[in-house]
């Protein structure tokens, strides 16, 4: 694992390191893209502030 440099976000540093790897073929390129999409989706879930308006879930 890489060591975080002072003043640099470690999560972003790791993402950049992953994206700097060249894709070997189209399947590998698709896997790299899917990893990026998964990160974005998880980030959007983590920041979702909508409230459940259905009181039956309480």
C-alpha atoms as a PDB file:
ATOM      1  CA  UNK A   1       0.000   0.000   0.000  1.00  0.00           C
ATOM      2  CA  UNK A   2       1.253   3.474  -0.759  1.00  0.00           C
ATOM      3  CA  UNK A   3       2.063   5.934   1.979  1.00  0.00           C
ATOM      4  CA  UNK A   4       0.078   9.136   1.968  1.00  0.00           C
ATOM      5  CA  UNK A   5       2.031  12.261   1.254  1.00  0.00           C
ATOM      6  CA  UNK A   6       1.324  15.224   3.518  1.00  0.00           C
ATOM      7  CA  UNK A   7      -1.566  17.337   2.257  1.00  0.00           C
ATOM      8  CA  UNK A   8      -2.751  14.751  -0.290  1.00  0.00           C
ATOM      9  CA  UNK A   9      -5.957  12.746   0.155  1.00  0.00           C
ATOM     10  CA  UNK A  10      -4.923   9.076   0.453  1.00  0.00           C
ATOM     11  CA  UNK A  11      -8.137   7.805  -1.170  1.00  0.00           C
ATOM     12  CA  UNK A  12      -7.651  10.022  -4.209  1.00  0.00           C
ATOM     13  CA  UNK A  13      -3.980   9.076  -4.354  1.00  0.00           C
ATOM     14  CA  UNK A  14      -4.957   5.387  -4.584  1.00  0.00           C
ATOM     15  CA  UNK A  15      -7.578   6.074  -7.275  1.00  0.00           C
ATOM     16  CA  UNK A  16      -5.021   7.956  -9.363  1.00  0.00           C
ATOM     17  CA  UNK A  17      -2.553   5.086  -8.974  1.00  0.00           C
ATOM     18  CA  UNK A  18      -5.222   2.629 -10.182  1.00  0.00           C
ATOM     19  CA  UNK A  19      -6.182   4.766 -13.163  1.00  0.00           C
ATOM     20  CA  UNK A  20      -2.575   5.285 -14.244  1.00  0.00           C
ATOM     21  CA  UNK A  21      -2.295   1.592 -15.138  1.00  0.00           C
ATOM     22  CA  UNK A  22      -2.781   1.095 -18.878  1.00  0.00           C
ATOM     23  CA  UNK A  23      -5.507  -1.320 -19.938  1.00  0.00           C
ATOM     24  CA  UNK A  24      -4.150  -4.514 -21.474  1.00  0.00           C
ATOM     25  CA  UNK A  25      -7.203  -5.264 -23.610  1.00  0.00           C
ATOM     26  CA  UNK A  26     -10.842  -4.266 -23.937  1.00  0.00           C
ATOM     27  CA  UNK A  27     -11.965  -6.576 -21.135  1.00  0.00           C
ATOM     28  CA  UNK A  28      -9.406  -5.094 -18.756  1.00  0.00           C
ATOM     29  CA  UNK A  29     -10.407  -1.582 -19.831  1.00  0.00           C
ATOM     30  CA  UNK A  30     -14.041  -2.438 -19.076  1.00  0.00           C
ATOM     31  CA  UNK A  31     -13.065  -3.748 -15.630  1.00  0.00           C
ATOM     32  CA  UNK A  32     -11.196  -0.522 -14.843  1.00  0.00           C
ATOM     33  CA  UNK A  33     -14.204   1.518 -15.973  1.00  0.00           C
ATOM     34  CA  UNK A  34     -16.546  -0.621 -13.875  1.00  0.00           C
ATOM     35  CA  UNK A  35     -14.355  -0.049 -10.795  1.00  0.00           C
ATOM     36  CA  UNK A  36     -14.663   3.702 -11.396  1.00  0.00           C
ATOM     37  CA  UNK A  37     -18.440   3.427 -11.808  1.00  0.00           C
ATOM     38  CA  UNK A  38     -18.706   1.347  -8.628  1.00  0.00           C
ATOM     39  CA  UNK A  39     -16.759   3.978  -6.661  1.00  0.00           C
ATOM     40  CA  UNK A  40     -19.003   6.758  -7.980  1.00  0.00           C
ATOM     41  CA  UNK A  41     -22.144   4.773  -7.181  1.00  0.00           C
ATOM     42  CA  UNK A  42     -20.968   3.990  -3.646  1.00  0.00           C
ATOM     43  CA  UNK A  43     -20.016   7.626  -3.133  1.00  0.00           C
ATOM     44  CA  UNK A  44     -23.475   8.756  -4.218  1.00  0.00           C
ATOM     45  CA  UNK A  45     -25.068   6.246  -1.830  1.00  0.00           C
ATOM     46  CA  UNK A  46     -22.889   7.504   1.012  1.00  0.00           C
ATOM     47  CA  UNK A  47     -23.952  11.089   0.355  1.00  0.00           C
ATOM     48  CA  UNK A  48     -27.656  10.423  -0.232  1.00  0.00           C
ATOM     49  CA  UNK A  49     -29.557  12.642   2.207  1.00  0.00           C
ATOM     50  CA  UNK A  50     -33.076  11.791   1.078  1.00  0.00           C
ATOM     51  CA  UNK A  51     -35.512  10.738   3.777  1.00  0.00           C
ATOM     52  CA  UNK A  52     -37.833   7.773   3.592  1.00  0.00           C
ATOM     53  CA  UNK A  53     -41.305   9.297   3.651  1.00  0.00           C
ATOM     54  CA  UNK A  54     -43.028   5.950   4.222  1.00  0.00           C
ATOM     55  CA  UNK A  55     -43.763   5.695   7.987  1.00  0.00           C
ATOM     56  CA  UNK A  56     -44.222   1.914   7.816  1.00  0.00           C
ATOM     57  CA  UNK A  57     -40.418   1.476   7.860  1.00  0.00           C
ATOM     58  CA  UNK A  58     -40.011   3.093  11.278  1.00  0.00           C
END
